């Protein structure tokens, strides 16, 4: 979870590229 980074747009491209579990900002 990173402030002003881990938002839905960024999470979308991370998920497509292999992230298994993500957290919101």
PDBML (XML) file of the C-alpha atoms, coordinates in Angstrom:
<?xml version="1.0" encoding="UTF-8" ?>
<PDBx:datablock datablockName="MODEL"
   xmlns:PDBx="http://pdbml.pdb.org/schema/pdbx-v50.xsd"
   xmlns:xsi="http://www.w3.org/2001/XMLSchema-instance"
   xsi:schemaLocation="http://pdbml.pdb.org/schema/pdbx-v50.xsd pdbx-v50.xsd">
   <PDBx:atom_siteCategory>
      <PDBx:atom_site id="1">
         <PDBx:B_iso_or_equiv>0.00</PDBx:B_iso_or_equiv>
         <PDBx:Cartn_x>0.000</PDBx:Cartn_x>
         <PDBx:Cartn_y>0.000</PDBx:Cartn_y>
         <PDBx:Cartn_z>0.000</PDBx:Cartn_z>
         <PDBx:auth_asym_id>A</PDBx:auth_asym_id>
         <PDBx:auth_atom_id>CA</PDBx:auth_atom_id>
         <PDBx:auth_comp_id>UNK</PDBx:auth_comp_id>
         <PDBx:auth_seq_id>1</PDBx:auth_seq_id>
         <PDBx:group_PDB>ATOM</PDBx:group_PDB>
         <PDBx:label_alt_id xsi:nil="true" />
         <PDBx:label_asym_id>A</PDBx:label_asym_id>
         <PDBx:label_atom_id>CA</PDBx:label_atom_id>
         <PDBx:label_comp_id>UNK</PDBx:label_comp_id>
         <PDBx:label_entity_id>1</PDBx:label_entity_id>
         <PDBx:label_seq_id>1</PDBx:label_seq_id>
         <PDBx:occupancy>1.00</PDBx:occupancy>
         <PDBx:pdbx_PDB_model_num>1</PDBx:pdbx_PDB_model_num>
         <PDBx:type_symbol>C</PDBx:type_symbol>
      </PDBx:atom_site>
      <PDBx:atom_site id="2">
         <PDBx:B_iso_or_equiv>0.00</PDBx:B_iso_or_equiv>
         <PDBx:Cartn_x>1.607</PDBx:Cartn_x>
         <PDBx:Cartn_y>3.246</PDBx:Cartn_y>
         <PDBx:Cartn_z>-1.167</PDBx:Cartn_z>
         <PDBx:auth_asym_id>A</PDBx:auth_asym_id>
         <PDBx:auth_atom_id>CA</PDBx:auth_atom_id>
         <PDBx:auth_comp_id>UNK</PDBx:auth_comp_id>
         <PDBx:auth_seq_id>2</PDBx:auth_seq_id>
         <PDBx:group_PDB>ATOM</PDBx:group_PDB>
         <PDBx:label_alt_id xsi:nil="true" />
         <PDBx:label_asym_id>A</PDBx:label_asym_id>
         <PDBx:label_atom_id>CA</PDBx:label_atom_id>
         <PDBx:label_comp_id>UNK</PDBx:label_comp_id>
         <PDBx:label_entity_id>1</PDBx:label_entity_id>
         <PDBx:label_seq_id>2</PDBx:label_seq_id>
         <PDBx:occupancy>1.00</PDBx:occupancy>
         <PDBx:pdbx_PDB_model_num>1</PDBx:pdbx_PDB_model_num>
         <PDBx:type_symbol>C</PDBx:type_symbol>
      </PDBx:atom_site>
      <PDBx:atom_site id="3">
         <PDBx:B_iso_or_equiv>0.00</PDBx:B_iso_or_equiv>
         <PDBx:Cartn_x>-0.003</PDBx:Cartn_x>
         <PDBx:Cartn_y>6.649</PDBx:Cartn_y>
         <PDBx:Cartn_z>-0.786</PDBx:Cartn_z>
         <PDBx:auth_asym_id>A</PDBx:auth_asym_id>
         <PDBx:auth_atom_id>CA</PDBx:auth_atom_id>
         <PDBx:auth_comp_id>UNK</PDBx:auth_comp_id>
         <PDBx:auth_seq_id>3</PDBx:auth_seq_id>
         <PDBx:group_PDB>ATOM</PDBx:group_PDB>
         <PDBx:label_alt_id xsi:nil="true" />
         <PDBx:label_asym_id>A</PDBx:label_asym_id>
         <PDBx:label_atom_id>CA</PDBx:label_atom_id>
         <PDBx:label_comp_id>UNK</PDBx:label_comp_id>
         <PDBx:label_entity_id>1</PDBx:label_entity_id>
         <PDBx:label_seq_id>3</PDBx:label_seq_id>
         <PDBx:occupancy>1.00</PDBx:occupancy>
         <PDBx:pdbx_PDB_model_num>1</PDBx:pdbx_PDB_model_num>
         <PDBx:type_symbol>C</PDBx:type_symbol>
      </PDBx:atom_site>
      <PDBx:atom_site id="4">
         <PDBx:B_iso_or_equiv>0.00</PDBx:B_iso_or_equiv>
         <PDBx:Cartn_x>-0.821</PDBx:Cartn_x>
         <PDBx:Cartn_y>8.278</PDBx:Cartn_y>
         <PDBx:Cartn_z>-4.141</PDBx:Cartn_z>
         <PDBx:auth_asym_id>A</PDBx:auth_asym_id>
         <PDBx:auth_atom_id>CA</PDBx:auth_atom_id>
         <PDBx:auth_comp_id>UNK</PDBx:auth_comp_id>
         <PDBx:auth_seq_id>4</PDBx:auth_seq_id>
         <PDBx:group_PDB>ATOM</PDBx:group_PDB>
         <PDBx:label_alt_id xsi:nil="true" />
         <PDBx:label_asym_id>A</PDBx:label_asym_id>
         <PDBx:label_atom_id>CA</PDBx:label_atom_id>
         <PDBx:label_comp_id>UNK</PDBx:label_comp_id>
         <PDBx:label_entity_id>1</PDBx:label_entity_id>
         <PDBx:label_seq_id>4</PDBx:label_seq_id>
         <PDBx:occupancy>1.00</PDBx:occupancy>
         <PDBx:pdbx_PDB_model_num>1</PDBx:pdbx_PDB_model_num>
         <PDBx:type_symbol>C</PDBx:type_symbol>
      </PDBx:atom_site>
      <PDBx:atom_site id="5">
         <PDBx:B_iso_or_equiv>0.00</PDBx:B_iso_or_equiv>
         <PDBx:Cartn_x>0.526</PDBx:Cartn_x>
         <PDBx:Cartn_y>5.187</PDBx:Cartn_y>
         <PDBx:Cartn_z>-5.917</PDBx:Cartn_z>
         <PDBx:auth_asym_id>A</PDBx:auth_asym_id>
         <PDBx:auth_atom_id>CA</PDBx:auth_atom_id>
         <PDBx:auth_comp_id>UNK</PDBx:auth_comp_id>
         <PDBx:auth_seq_id>5</PDBx:auth_seq_id>
         <PDBx:group_PDB>ATOM</PDBx:group_PDB>
         <PDBx:label_alt_id xsi:nil="true" />
         <PDBx:label_asym_id>A</PDBx:label_asym_id>
         <PDBx:label_atom_id>CA</PDBx:label_atom_id>
         <PDBx:label_comp_id>UNK</PDBx:label_comp_id>
         <PDBx:label_entity_id>1</PDBx:label_entity_id>
         <PDBx:label_seq_id>5</PDBx:label_seq_id>
         <PDBx:occupancy>1.00</PDBx:occupancy>
         <PDBx:pdbx_PDB_model_num>1</PDBx:pdbx_PDB_model_num>
         <PDBx:type_symbol>C</PDBx:type_symbol>
      </PDBx:atom_site>
      <PDBx:atom_site id="6">
         <PDBx:B_iso_or_equiv>0.00</PDBx:B_iso_or_equiv>
         <PDBx:Cartn_x>-1.496</PDBx:Cartn_x>
         <PDBx:Cartn_y>2.057</PDBx:Cartn_y>
         <PDBx:Cartn_z>-5.092</PDBx:Cartn_z>
         <PDBx:auth_asym_id>A</PDBx:auth_asym_id>
         <PDBx:auth_atom_id>CA</PDBx:auth_atom_id>
         <PDBx:auth_comp_id>UNK</PDBx:auth_comp_id>
         <PDBx:auth_seq_id>6</PDBx:auth_seq_id>
         <PDBx:group_PDB>ATOM</PDBx:group_PDB>
         <PDBx:label_alt_id xsi:nil="true" />
         <PDBx:label_asym_id>A</PDBx:label_asym_id>
         <PDBx:label_atom_id>CA</PDBx:label_atom_id>
         <PDBx:label_comp_id>UNK</PDBx:label_comp_id>
         <PDBx:label_entity_id>1</PDBx:label_entity_id>
         <PDBx:label_seq_id>6</PDBx:label_seq_id>
         <PDBx:occupancy>1.00</PDBx:occupancy>
         <PDBx:pdbx_PDB_model_num>1</PDBx:pdbx_PDB_model_num>
         <PDBx:type_symbol>C</PDBx:type_symbol>
      </PDBx:atom_site>
      <PDBx:atom_site id="7">
         <PDBx:B_iso_or_equiv>0.00</PDBx:B_iso_or_equiv>
         <PDBx:Cartn_x>-4.716</PDBx:Cartn_x>
         <PDBx:Cartn_y>3.360</PDBx:Cartn_y>
         <PDBx:Cartn_z>-6.613</PDBx:Cartn_z>
         <PDBx:auth_asym_id>A</PDBx:auth_asym_id>
         <PDBx:auth_atom_id>CA</PDBx:auth_atom_id>
         <PDBx:auth_comp_id>UNK</PDBx:auth_comp_id>
         <PDBx:auth_seq_id>7</PDBx:auth_seq_id>
         <PDBx:group_PDB>ATOM</PDBx:group_PDB>
         <PDBx:label_alt_id xsi:nil="true" />
         <PDBx:label_asym_id>A</PDBx:label_asym_id>
         <PDBx:label_atom_id>CA</PDBx:label_atom_id>
         <PDBx:label_comp_id>UNK</PDBx:label_comp_id>
         <PDBx:label_entity_id>1</PDBx:label_entity_id>
         <PDBx:label_seq_id>7</PDBx:label_seq_id>
         <PDBx:occupancy>1.00</PDBx:occupancy>
         <PDBx:pdbx_PDB_model_num>1</PDBx:pdbx_PDB_model_num>
         <PDBx:type_symbol>C</PDBx:type_symbol>
      </PDBx:atom_site>
      <PDBx:atom_site id="8">
         <PDBx:B_iso_or_equiv>0.00</PDBx:B_iso_or_equiv>
         <PDBx:Cartn_x>-7.047</PDBx:Cartn_x>
         <PDBx:Cartn_y>1.379</PDBx:Cartn_y>
         <PDBx:Cartn_z>-8.902</PDBx:Cartn_z>
         <PDBx:auth_asym_id>A</PDBx:auth_asym_id>
         <PDBx:auth_atom_id>CA</PDBx:auth_atom_id>
         <PDBx:auth_comp_id>UNK</PDBx:auth_comp_id>
         <PDBx:auth_seq_id>8</PDBx:auth_seq_id>
         <PDBx:group_PDB>ATOM</PDBx:group_PDB>
         <PDBx:label_alt_id xsi:nil="true" />
         <PDBx:label_asym_id>A</PDBx:label_asym_id>
         <PDBx:label_atom_id>CA</PDBx:label_atom_id>
         <PDBx:label_comp_id>UNK</PDBx:label_comp_id>
         <PDBx:label_entity_id>1</PDBx:label_entity_id>
         <PDBx:label_seq_id>8</PDBx:label_seq_id>
         <PDBx:occupancy>1.00</PDBx:occupancy>
         <PDBx:pdbx_PDB_model_num>1</PDBx:pdbx_PDB_model_num>
         <PDBx:type_symbol>C</PDBx:type_symbol>
      </PDBx:atom_site>
      <PDBx:atom_site id="9">
         <PDBx:B_iso_or_equiv>0.00</PDBx:B_iso_or_equiv>
         <PDBx:Cartn_x>-5.248</PDBx:Cartn_x>
         <PDBx:Cartn_y>2.404</PDBx:Cartn_y>
         <PDBx:Cartn_z>-12.126</PDBx:Cartn_z>
         <PDBx:auth_asym_id>A</PDBx:auth_asym_id>
         <PDBx:auth_atom_id>CA</PDBx:auth_atom_id>
         <PDBx:auth_comp_id>UNK</PDBx:auth_comp_id>
         <PDBx:auth_seq_id>9</PDBx:auth_seq_id>
         <PDBx:group_PDB>ATOM</PDBx:group_PDB>
         <PDBx:label_alt_id xsi:nil="true" />
         <PDBx:label_asym_id>A</PDBx:label_asym_id>
         <PDBx:label_atom_id>CA</PDBx:label_atom_id>
         <PDBx:label_comp_id>UNK</PDBx:label_comp_id>
         <PDBx:label_entity_id>1</PDBx:label_entity_id>
         <PDBx:label_seq_id>9</PDBx:label_seq_id>
         <PDBx:occupancy>1.00</PDBx:occupancy>
         <PDBx:pdbx_PDB_model_num>1</PDBx:pdbx_PDB_model_num>
         <PDBx:type_symbol>C</PDBx:type_symbol>
      </PDBx:atom_site>
      <PDBx:atom_site id="10">
         <PDBx:B_iso_or_equiv>0.00</PDBx:B_iso_or_equiv>
         <PDBx:Cartn_x>-1.887</PDBx:Cartn_x>
         <PDBx:Cartn_y>1.225</PDBx:Cartn_y>
         <PDBx:Cartn_z>-10.825</PDBx:Cartn_z>
         <PDBx:auth_asym_id>A</PDBx:auth_asym_id>
         <PDBx:auth_atom_id>CA</PDBx:auth_atom_id>
         <PDBx:auth_comp_id>UNK</PDBx:auth_comp_id>
         <PDBx:auth_seq_id>10</PDBx:auth_seq_id>
         <PDBx:group_PDB>ATOM</PDBx:group_PDB>
         <PDBx:label_alt_id xsi:nil="true" />
         <PDBx:label_asym_id>A</PDBx:label_asym_id>
         <PDBx:label_atom_id>CA</PDBx:label_atom_id>
         <PDBx:label_comp_id>UNK</PDBx:label_comp_id>
         <PDBx:label_entity_id>1</PDBx:label_entity_id>
         <PDBx:label_seq_id>10</PDBx:label_seq_id>
         <PDBx:occupancy>1.00</PDBx:occupancy>
         <PDBx:pdbx_PDB_model_num>1</PDBx:pdbx_PDB_model_num>
         <PDBx:type_symbol>C</PDBx:type_symbol>
      </PDBx:atom_site>
      <PDBx:atom_site id="11">
         <PDBx:B_iso_or_equiv>0.00</PDBx:B_iso_or_equiv>
         <PDBx:Cartn_x>-3.339</PDBx:Cartn_x>
         <PDBx:Cartn_y>-1.870</PDBx:Cartn_y>
         <PDBx:Cartn_z>-9.214</PDBx:Cartn_z>
         <PDBx:auth_asym_id>A</PDBx:auth_asym_id>
         <PDBx:auth_atom_id>CA</PDBx:auth_atom_id>
         <PDBx:auth_comp_id>UNK</PDBx:auth_comp_id>
         <PDBx:auth_seq_id>11</PDBx:auth_seq_id>
         <PDBx:group_PDB>ATOM</PDBx:group_PDB>
         <PDBx:label_alt_id xsi:nil="true" />
         <PDBx:label_asym_id>A</PDBx:label_asym_id>
         <PDBx:label_atom_id>CA</PDBx:label_atom_id>
         <PDBx:label_comp_id>UNK</PDBx:label_comp_id>
         <PDBx:label_entity_id>1</PDBx:label_entity_id>
         <PDBx:label_seq_id>11</PDBx:label_seq_id>
         <PDBx:occupancy>1.00</PDBx:occupancy>
         <PDBx:pdbx_PDB_model_num>1</PDBx:pdbx_PDB_model_num>
         <PDBx:type_symbol>C</PDBx:type_symbol>
      </PDBx:atom_site>
      <PDBx:atom_site id="12">
         <PDBx:B_iso_or_equiv>0.00</PDBx:B_iso_or_equiv>
         <PDBx:Cartn_x>-4.904</PDBx:Cartn_x>
         <PDBx:Cartn_y>-2.809</PDBx:Cartn_y>
         <PDBx:Cartn_z>-12.547</PDBx:Cartn_z>
         <PDBx:auth_asym_id>A</PDBx:auth_asym_id>
         <PDBx:auth_atom_id>CA</PDBx:auth_atom_id>
         <PDBx:auth_comp_id>UNK</PDBx:auth_comp_id>
         <PDBx:auth_seq_id>12</PDBx:auth_seq_id>
         <PDBx:group_PDB>ATOM</PDBx:group_PDB>
         <PDBx:label_alt_id xsi:nil="true" />
         <PDBx:label_asym_id>A</PDBx:label_asym_id>
         <PDBx:label_atom_id>CA</PDBx:label_atom_id>
         <PDBx:label_comp_id>UNK</PDBx:label_comp_id>
         <PDBx:label_entity_id>1</PDBx:label_entity_id>
         <PDBx:label_seq_id>12</PDBx:label_seq_id>
         <PDBx:occupancy>1.00</PDBx:occupancy>
         <PDBx:pdbx_PDB_model_num>1</PDBx:pdbx_PDB_model_num>
         <PDBx:type_symbol>C</PDBx:type_symbol>
      </PDBx:atom_site>
      <PDBx:atom_site id="13">
         <PDBx:B_iso_or_equiv>0.00</PDBx:B_iso_or_equiv>
         <PDBx:Cartn_x>-1.563</PDBx:Cartn_x>
         <PDBx:Cartn_y>-3.018</PDBx:Cartn_y>
         <PDBx:Cartn_z>-14.357</PDBx:Cartn_z>
         <PDBx:auth_asym_id>A</PDBx:auth_asym_id>
         <PDBx:auth_atom_id>CA</PDBx:auth_atom_id>
         <PDBx:auth_comp_id>UNK</PDBx:auth_comp_id>
         <PDBx:auth_seq_id>13</PDBx:auth_seq_id>
         <PDBx:group_PDB>ATOM</PDBx:group_PDB>
         <PDBx:label_alt_id xsi:nil="true" />
         <PDBx:label_asym_id>A</PDBx:label_asym_id>
         <PDBx:label_atom_id>CA</PDBx:label_atom_id>
         <PDBx:label_comp_id>UNK</PDBx:label_comp_id>
         <PDBx:label_entity_id>1</PDBx:label_entity_id>
         <PDBx:label_seq_id>13</PDBx:label_seq_id>
         <PDBx:occupancy>1.00</PDBx:occupancy>
         <PDBx:pdbx_PDB_model_num>1</PDBx:pdbx_PDB_model_num>
         <PDBx:type_symbol>C</PDBx:type_symbol>
      </PDBx:atom_site>
      <PDBx:atom_site id="14">
         <PDBx:B_iso_or_equiv>0.00</PDBx:B_iso_or_equiv>
         <PDBx:Cartn_x>0.103</PDBx:Cartn_x>
         <PDBx:Cartn_y>-4.767</PDBx:Cartn_y>
         <PDBx:Cartn_z>-11.402</PDBx:Cartn_z>
         <PDBx:auth_asym_id>A</PDBx:auth_asym_id>
         <PDBx:auth_atom_id>CA</PDBx:auth_atom_id>
         <PDBx:auth_comp_id>UNK</PDBx:auth_comp_id>
         <PDBx:auth_seq_id>14</PDBx:auth_seq_id>
         <PDBx:group_PDB>ATOM</PDBx:group_PDB>
         <PDBx:label_alt_id xsi:nil="true" />
         <PDBx:label_asym_id>A</PDBx:label_asym_id>
         <PDBx:label_atom_id>CA</PDBx:label_atom_id>
         <PDBx:label_comp_id>UNK</PDBx:label_comp_id>
         <PDBx:label_entity_id>1</PDBx:label_entity_id>
         <PDBx:label_seq_id>14</PDBx:label_seq_id>
         <PDBx:occupancy>1.00</PDBx:occupancy>
         <PDBx:pdbx_PDB_model_num>1</PDBx:pdbx_PDB_model_num>
         <PDBx:type_symbol>C</PDBx:type_symbol>
      </PDBx:atom_site>
      <PDBx:atom_site id="15">
         <PDBx:B_iso_or_equiv>0.00</PDBx:B_iso_or_equiv>
         <PDBx:Cartn_x>-2.614</PDBx:Cartn_x>
         <PDBx:Cartn_y>-7.404</PDBx:Cartn_y>
         <PDBx:Cartn_z>-11.306</PDBx:Cartn_z>
         <PDBx:auth_asym_id>A</PDBx:auth_asym_id>
         <PDBx:auth_atom_id>CA</PDBx:auth_atom_id>
         <PDBx:auth_comp_id>UNK</PDBx:auth_comp_id>
         <PDBx:auth_seq_id>15</PDBx:auth_seq_id>
         <PDBx:group_PDB>ATOM</PDBx:group_PDB>
         <PDBx:label_alt_id xsi:nil="true" />
         <PDBx:label_asym_id>A</PDBx:label_asym_id>
         <PDBx:label_atom_id>CA</PDBx:label_atom_id>
         <PDBx:label_comp_id>UNK</PDBx:label_comp_id>
         <PDBx:label_entity_id>1</PDBx:label_entity_id>
         <PDBx:label_seq_id>15</PDBx:label_seq_id>
         <PDBx:occupancy>1.00</PDBx:occupancy>
         <PDBx:pdbx_PDB_model_num>1</PDBx:pdbx_PDB_model_num>
         <PDBx:type_symbol>C</PDBx:type_symbol>
      </PDBx:atom_site>
      <PDBx:atom_site id="16">
         <PDBx:B_iso_or_equiv>0.00</PDBx:B_iso_or_equiv>
         <PDBx:Cartn_x>-2.239</PDBx:Cartn_x>
         <PDBx:Cartn_y>-8.035</PDBx:Cartn_y>
         <PDBx:Cartn_z>-15.036</PDBx:Cartn_z>
         <PDBx:auth_asym_id>A</PDBx:auth_asym_id>
         <PDBx:auth_atom_id>CA</PDBx:auth_atom_id>
         <PDBx:auth_comp_id>UNK</PDBx:auth_comp_id>
         <PDBx:auth_seq_id>16</PDBx:auth_seq_id>
         <PDBx:group_PDB>ATOM</PDBx:group_PDB>
         <PDBx:label_alt_id xsi:nil="true" />
         <PDBx:label_asym_id>A</PDBx:label_asym_id>
         <PDBx:label_atom_id>CA</PDBx:label_atom_id>
         <PDBx:label_comp_id>UNK</PDBx:label_comp_id>
         <PDBx:label_entity_id>1</PDBx:label_entity_id>
         <PDBx:label_seq_id>16</PDBx:label_seq_id>
         <PDBx:occupancy>1.00</PDBx:occupancy>
         <PDBx:pdbx_PDB_model_num>1</PDBx:pdbx_PDB_model_num>
         <PDBx:type_symbol>C</PDBx:type_symbol>
      </PDBx:atom_site>
      <PDBx:atom_site id="17">
         <PDBx:B_iso_or_equiv>0.00</PDBx:B_iso_or_equiv>
         <PDBx:Cartn_x>1.467</PDBx:Cartn_x>
         <PDBx:Cartn_y>-8.534</PDBx:Cartn_y>
         <PDBx:Cartn_z>-14.458</PDBx:Cartn_z>
         <PDBx:auth_asym_id>A</PDBx:auth_asym_id>
         <PDBx:auth_atom_id>CA</PDBx:auth_atom_id>
         <PDBx:auth_comp_id>UNK</PDBx:auth_comp_id>
         <PDBx:auth_seq_id>17</PDBx:auth_seq_id>
         <PDBx:group_PDB>ATOM</PDBx:group_PDB>
         <PDBx:label_alt_id xsi:nil="true" />
         <PDBx:label_asym_id>A</PDBx:label_asym_id>
         <PDBx:label_atom_id>CA</PDBx:label_atom_id>
         <PDBx:label_comp_id>UNK</PDBx:label_comp_id>
         <PDBx:label_entity_id>1</PDBx:label_entity_id>
         <PDBx:label_seq_id>17</PDBx:label_seq_id>
         <PDBx:occupancy>1.00</PDBx:occupancy>
         <PDBx:pdbx_PDB_model_num>1</PDBx:pdbx_PDB_model_num>
         <PDBx:type_symbol>C</PDBx:type_symbol>
      </PDBx:atom_site>
      <PDBx:atom_site id="18">
         <PDBx:B_iso_or_equiv>0.00</PDBx:B_iso_or_equiv>
         <PDBx:Cartn_x>1.380</PDBx:Cartn_x>
         <PDBx:Cartn_y>-11.051</PDBx:Cartn_y>
         <PDBx:Cartn_z>-11.636</PDBx:Cartn_z>
         <PDBx:auth_asym_id>A</PDBx:auth_asym_id>
         <PDBx:auth_atom_id>CA</PDBx:auth_atom_id>
         <PDBx:auth_comp_id>UNK</PDBx:auth_comp_id>
         <PDBx:auth_seq_id>18</PDBx:auth_seq_id>
         <PDBx:group_PDB>ATOM</PDBx:group_PDB>
         <PDBx:label_alt_id xsi:nil="true" />
         <PDBx:label_asym_id>A</PDBx:label_asym_id>
         <PDBx:label_atom_id>CA</PDBx:label_atom_id>
         <PDBx:label_comp_id>UNK</PDBx:label_comp_id>
         <PDBx:label_entity_id>1</PDBx:label_entity_id>
         <PDBx:label_seq_id>18</PDBx:label_seq_id>
         <PDBx:occupancy>1.00</PDBx:occupancy>
         <PDBx:pdbx_PDB_model_num>1</PDBx:pdbx_PDB_model_num>
         <PDBx:type_symbol>C</PDBx:type_symbol>
      </PDBx:atom_site>
      <PDBx:atom_site id="19">
         <PDBx:B_iso_or_equiv>0.00</PDBx:B_iso_or_equiv>
         <PDBx:Cartn_x>0.580</PDBx:Cartn_x>
         <PDBx:Cartn_y>-9.426</PDBx:Cartn_y>
         <PDBx:Cartn_z>-8.281</PDBx:Cartn_z>
         <PDBx:auth_asym_id>A</PDBx:auth_asym_id>
         <PDBx:auth_atom_id>CA</PDBx:auth_atom_id>
         <PDBx:auth_comp_id>UNK</PDBx:auth_comp_id>
         <PDBx:auth_seq_id>19</PDBx:auth_seq_id>
         <PDBx:group_PDB>ATOM</PDBx:group_PDB>
         <PDBx:label_alt_id xsi:nil="true" />
         <PDBx:label_asym_id>A</PDBx:label_asym_id>
         <PDBx:label_atom_id>CA</PDBx:label_atom_id>
         <PDBx:label_comp_id>UNK</PDBx:label_comp_id>
         <PDBx:label_entity_id>1</PDBx:label_entity_id>
         <PDBx:label_seq_id>19</PDBx:label_seq_id>
         <PDBx:occupancy>1.00</PDBx:occupancy>
         <PDBx:pdbx_PDB_model_num>1</PDBx:pdbx_PDB_model_num>
         <PDBx:type_symbol>C</PDBx:type_symbol>
      </PDBx:atom_site>
      <PDBx:atom_site id="20">
         <PDBx:B_iso_or_equiv>0.00</PDBx:B_iso_or_equiv>
         <PDBx:Cartn_x>-1.166</PDBx:Cartn_x>
         <PDBx:Cartn_y>-12.023</PDBx:Cartn_y>
         <PDBx:Cartn_z>-6.080</PDBx:Cartn_z>
         <PDBx:auth_asym_id>A</PDBx:auth_asym_id>
         <PDBx:auth_atom_id>CA</PDBx:auth_atom_id>
         <PDBx:auth_comp_id>UNK</PDBx:auth_comp_id>
         <PDBx:auth_seq_id>20</PDBx:auth_seq_id>
         <PDBx:group_PDB>ATOM</PDBx:group_PDB>
         <PDBx:label_alt_id xsi:nil="true" />
         <PDBx:label_asym_id>A</PDBx:label_asym_id>
         <PDBx:label_atom_id>CA</PDBx:label_atom_id>
         <PDBx:label_comp_id>UNK</PDBx:label_comp_id>
         <PDBx:label_entity_id>1</PDBx:label_entity_id>
         <PDBx:label_seq_id>20</PDBx:label_seq_id>
         <PDBx:occupancy>1.00</PDBx:occupancy>
         <PDBx:pdbx_PDB_model_num>1</PDBx:pdbx_PDB_model_num>
         <PDBx:type_symbol>C</PDBx:type_symbol>
      </PDBx:atom_site>
      <PDBx:atom_site id="21">
         <PDBx:B_iso_or_equiv>0.00</PDBx:B_iso_or_equiv>
         <PDBx:Cartn_x>-2.539</PDBx:Cartn_x>
         <PDBx:Cartn_y>-9.775</PDBx:Cartn_y>
         <PDBx:Cartn_z>-3.350</PDBx:Cartn_z>
         <PDBx:auth_asym_id>A</PDBx:auth_asym_id>
         <PDBx:auth_atom_id>CA</PDBx:auth_atom_id>
         <PDBx:auth_comp_id>UNK</PDBx:auth_comp_id>
         <PDBx:auth_seq_id>21</PDBx:auth_seq_id>
         <PDBx:group_PDB>ATOM</PDBx:group_PDB>
         <PDBx:label_alt_id xsi:nil="true" />
         <PDBx:label_asym_id>A</PDBx:label_asym_id>
         <PDBx:label_atom_id>CA</PDBx:label_atom_id>
         <PDBx:label_comp_id>UNK</PDBx:label_comp_id>
         <PDBx:label_entity_id>1</PDBx:label_entity_id>
         <PDBx:label_seq_id>21</PDBx:label_seq_id>
         <PDBx:occupancy>1.00</PDBx:occupancy>
         <PDBx:pdbx_PDB_model_num>1</PDBx:pdbx_PDB_model_num>
         <PDBx:type_symbol>C</PDBx:type_symbol>
      </PDBx:atom_site>
      <PDBx:atom_site id="22">
         <PDBx:B_iso_or_equiv>0.00</PDBx:B_iso_or_equiv>
         <PDBx:Cartn_x>-2.860</PDBx:Cartn_x>
         <PDBx:Cartn_y>-6.017</PDBx:Cartn_y>
         <PDBx:Cartn_z>-3.381</PDBx:Cartn_z>
         <PDBx:auth_asym_id>A</PDBx:auth_asym_id>
         <PDBx:auth_atom_id>CA</PDBx:auth_atom_id>
         <PDBx:auth_comp_id>UNK</PDBx:auth_comp_id>
         <PDBx:auth_seq_id>22</PDBx:auth_seq_id>
         <PDBx:group_PDB>ATOM</PDBx:group_PDB>
         <PDBx:label_alt_id xsi:nil="true" />
         <PDBx:label_asym_id>A</PDBx:label_asym_id>
         <PDBx:label_atom_id>CA</PDBx:label_atom_id>
         <PDBx:label_comp_id>UNK</PDBx:label_comp_id>
         <PDBx:label_entity_id>1</PDBx:label_entity_id>
         <PDBx:label_seq_id>22</PDBx:label_seq_id>
         <PDBx:occupancy>1.00</PDBx:occupancy>
         <PDBx:pdbx_PDB_model_num>1</PDBx:pdbx_PDB_model_num>
         <PDBx:type_symbol>C</PDBx:type_symbol>
      </PDBx:atom_site>
      <PDBx:atom_site id="23">
         <PDBx:B_iso_or_equiv>0.00</PDBx:B_iso_or_equiv>
         <PDBx:Cartn_x>-3.778</PDBx:Cartn_x>
         <PDBx:Cartn_y>-3.363</PDBx:Cartn_y>
         <PDBx:Cartn_z>-0.860</PDBx:Cartn_z>
         <PDBx:auth_asym_id>A</PDBx:auth_asym_id>
         <PDBx:auth_atom_id>CA</PDBx:auth_atom_id>
         <PDBx:auth_comp_id>UNK</PDBx:auth_comp_id>
         <PDBx:auth_seq_id>23</PDBx:auth_seq_id>
         <PDBx:group_PDB>ATOM</PDBx:group_PDB>
         <PDBx:label_alt_id xsi:nil="true" />
         <PDBx:label_asym_id>A</PDBx:label_asym_id>
         <PDBx:label_atom_id>CA</PDBx:label_atom_id>
         <PDBx:label_comp_id>UNK</PDBx:label_comp_id>
         <PDBx:label_entity_id>1</PDBx:label_entity_id>
         <PDBx:label_seq_id>23</PDBx:label_seq_id>
         <PDBx:occupancy>1.00</PDBx:occupancy>
         <PDBx:pdbx_PDB_model_num>1</PDBx:pdbx_PDB_model_num>
         <PDBx:type_symbol>C</PDBx:type_symbol>
      </PDBx:atom_site>
      <PDBx:atom_site id="24">
         <PDBx:B_iso_or_equiv>0.00</PDBx:B_iso_or_equiv>
         <PDBx:Cartn_x>-5.361</PDBx:Cartn_x>
         <PDBx:Cartn_y>0.033</PDBx:Cartn_y>
         <PDBx:Cartn_z>-1.296</PDBx:Cartn_z>
         <PDBx:auth_asym_id>A</PDBx:auth_asym_id>
         <PDBx:auth_atom_id>CA</PDBx:auth_atom_id>
         <PDBx:auth_comp_id>UNK</PDBx:auth_comp_id>
         <PDBx:auth_seq_id>24</PDBx:auth_seq_id>
         <PDBx:group_PDB>ATOM</PDBx:group_PDB>
         <PDBx:label_alt_id xsi:nil="true" />
         <PDBx:label_asym_id>A</PDBx:label_asym_id>
         <PDBx:label_atom_id>CA</PDBx:label_atom_id>
         <PDBx:label_comp_id>UNK</PDBx:label_comp_id>
         <PDBx:label_entity_id>1</PDBx:label_entity_id>
         <PDBx:label_seq_id>24</PDBx:label_seq_id>
         <PDBx:occupancy>1.00</PDBx:occupancy>
         <PDBx:pdbx_PDB_model_num>1</PDBx:pdbx_PDB_model_num>
         <PDBx:type_symbol>C</PDBx:type_symbol>
      </PDBx:atom_site>
      <PDBx:atom_site id="25">
         <PDBx:B_iso_or_equiv>0.00</PDBx:B_iso_or_equiv>
         <PDBx:Cartn_x>-3.601</PDBx:Cartn_x>
         <PDBx:Cartn_y>3.240</PDBx:Cartn_y>
         <PDBx:Cartn_z>-0.429</PDBx:Cartn_z>
         <PDBx:auth_asym_id>A</PDBx:auth_asym_id>
         <PDBx:auth_atom_id>CA</PDBx:auth_atom_id>
         <PDBx:auth_comp_id>UNK</PDBx:auth_comp_id>
         <PDBx:auth_seq_id>25</PDBx:auth_seq_id>
         <PDBx:group_PDB>ATOM</PDBx:group_PDB>
         <PDBx:label_alt_id xsi:nil="true" />
         <PDBx:label_asym_id>A</PDBx:label_asym_id>
         <PDBx:label_atom_id>CA</PDBx:label_atom_id>
         <PDBx:label_comp_id>UNK</PDBx:label_comp_id>
         <PDBx:label_entity_id>1</PDBx:label_entity_id>
         <PDBx:label_seq_id>25</PDBx:label_seq_id>
         <PDBx:occupancy>1.00</PDBx:occupancy>
         <PDBx:pdbx_PDB_model_num>1</PDBx:pdbx_PDB_model_num>
         <PDBx:type_symbol>C</PDBx:type_symbol>
      </PDBx:atom_site>
   </PDBx:atom_siteCategory>
</PDBx:datablock>
